[in-house]
Protein backbone atom coordinates (compact mmCIF):
# COMPACT_ATOMS: atom_id res chain seq x y z
CA MET A 1 -17.06 -55.18 174.25
CA GLY A 2 -13.76 -53.84 175.13
CA LEU A 3 -12.10 -50.80 173.59
CA LYS A 4 -9.84 -51.27 170.50
CA PRO A 5 -6.17 -52.19 170.93
CA CYS A 6 -4.11 -49.23 172.33
CA THR A 7 -0.85 -48.70 173.95
CA ALA A 8 -0.67 -47.73 177.81
CA LYS A 9 0.78 -44.39 176.82
CA LYS A 10 -2.49 -43.56 174.79
CA LEU A 11 -4.73 -44.85 177.22
CA ILE A 12 -3.11 -42.61 180.22
CA ARG A 13 -3.11 -39.71 177.55
CA SER A 14 -6.99 -40.20 177.00
CA PHE A 15 -7.56 -40.26 180.73
CA ILE A 16 -5.55 -36.92 181.11
CA LYS A 17 -7.59 -35.29 178.33
CA ASN A 18 -10.91 -36.54 180.01
CA GLY A 19 -10.12 -34.93 183.62
CA CYS A 20 -7.71 -37.02 185.22
CA ILE A 21 -4.17 -36.42 186.71
CA ILE A 22 -1.11 -38.43 187.43
CA ILE A 23 -0.69 -38.99 191.08
CA ASP A 24 1.75 -40.52 193.37
CA GLY A 25 1.39 -44.09 194.38
CA GLY A 26 1.91 -46.18 191.36
CA LYS A 27 4.40 -48.86 191.27
CA GLY A 28 7.19 -48.93 188.86
CA SER A 29 5.00 -51.05 185.98
CA HIS A 30 1.72 -49.14 186.86
CA THR A 31 0.48 -45.43 186.73
CA LYS A 32 -1.98 -44.28 189.27
CA ILE A 33 -4.49 -41.65 187.89
CA LYS A 34 -7.18 -39.57 189.71
CA HIS A 35 -10.31 -37.74 188.16
CA ILE A 36 -10.48 -34.17 189.20
CA LYS A 37 -14.19 -33.71 189.67
CA THR A 38 -15.09 -37.06 190.99
CA GLY A 39 -11.97 -37.58 193.24
CA ALA A 40 -11.97 -41.45 192.08
CA THR A 41 -8.73 -43.04 191.42
CA THR A 42 -7.58 -46.06 189.36
CA THR A 43 -4.32 -47.92 188.57
CA ILE A 44 -3.53 -48.82 184.99
CA PRO A 45 -0.74 -50.85 183.93
CA LYS A 46 2.10 -49.59 181.62
CA GLY A 47 2.84 -52.61 179.73
CA ASP A 48 0.69 -54.87 177.37
CA LEU A 49 -3.20 -54.04 177.84
CA THR A 50 -4.23 -56.98 175.73
CA ASN A 51 -5.80 -59.06 178.72
CA VAL A 52 -7.41 -56.01 180.56
CA ARG A 53 -9.06 -53.98 177.43
CA HIS A 54 -12.25 -55.32 179.06
CA ALA A 55 -11.63 -54.15 182.33
CA ILE A 56 -10.57 -50.38 181.02
CA LEU A 57 -14.25 -49.62 180.71
CA ASN A 58 -14.97 -50.47 184.24
CA TRP A 59 -11.92 -48.30 185.25
CA ALA A 60 -13.39 -45.41 183.34
CA GLU A 61 -16.82 -45.82 184.36
CA ASN A 62 -15.47 -45.79 187.99
CA LEU A 63 -13.88 -42.51 187.24
CA GLY A 64 -17.20 -41.15 185.49
CA ILE A 65 -16.03 -41.27 182.04
CA THR A 66 -17.63 -43.28 178.99
CA LYS A 67 -16.14 -45.42 176.43
CA ASP A 68 -16.94 -42.77 173.83
CA ASN A 69 -14.81 -40.15 175.70
CA ILE A 70 -12.32 -42.41 176.10
CA GLU A 71 -12.09 -43.61 172.53
CA GLN A 72 -12.22 -39.91 171.50
CA TYR A 73 -8.48 -39.71 172.36
CA LEU A 74 -6.99 -42.93 171.31
């Protein structure tokens, strides 16, 4: 099951509070983030997240962040 509905801004803030930084390389409608400890990167769309909520958990897992850690800051 995916995450509860949230805005891209809240999601990005949650990734930042879980050890990520925003890096160069995201296009205008996307934000690219990098986890400081693992060095892994992912790109998050800034628009409607309705169709990608299930994928957010995969993005978090690739960065070494759990669902509970993401939801803690949403």
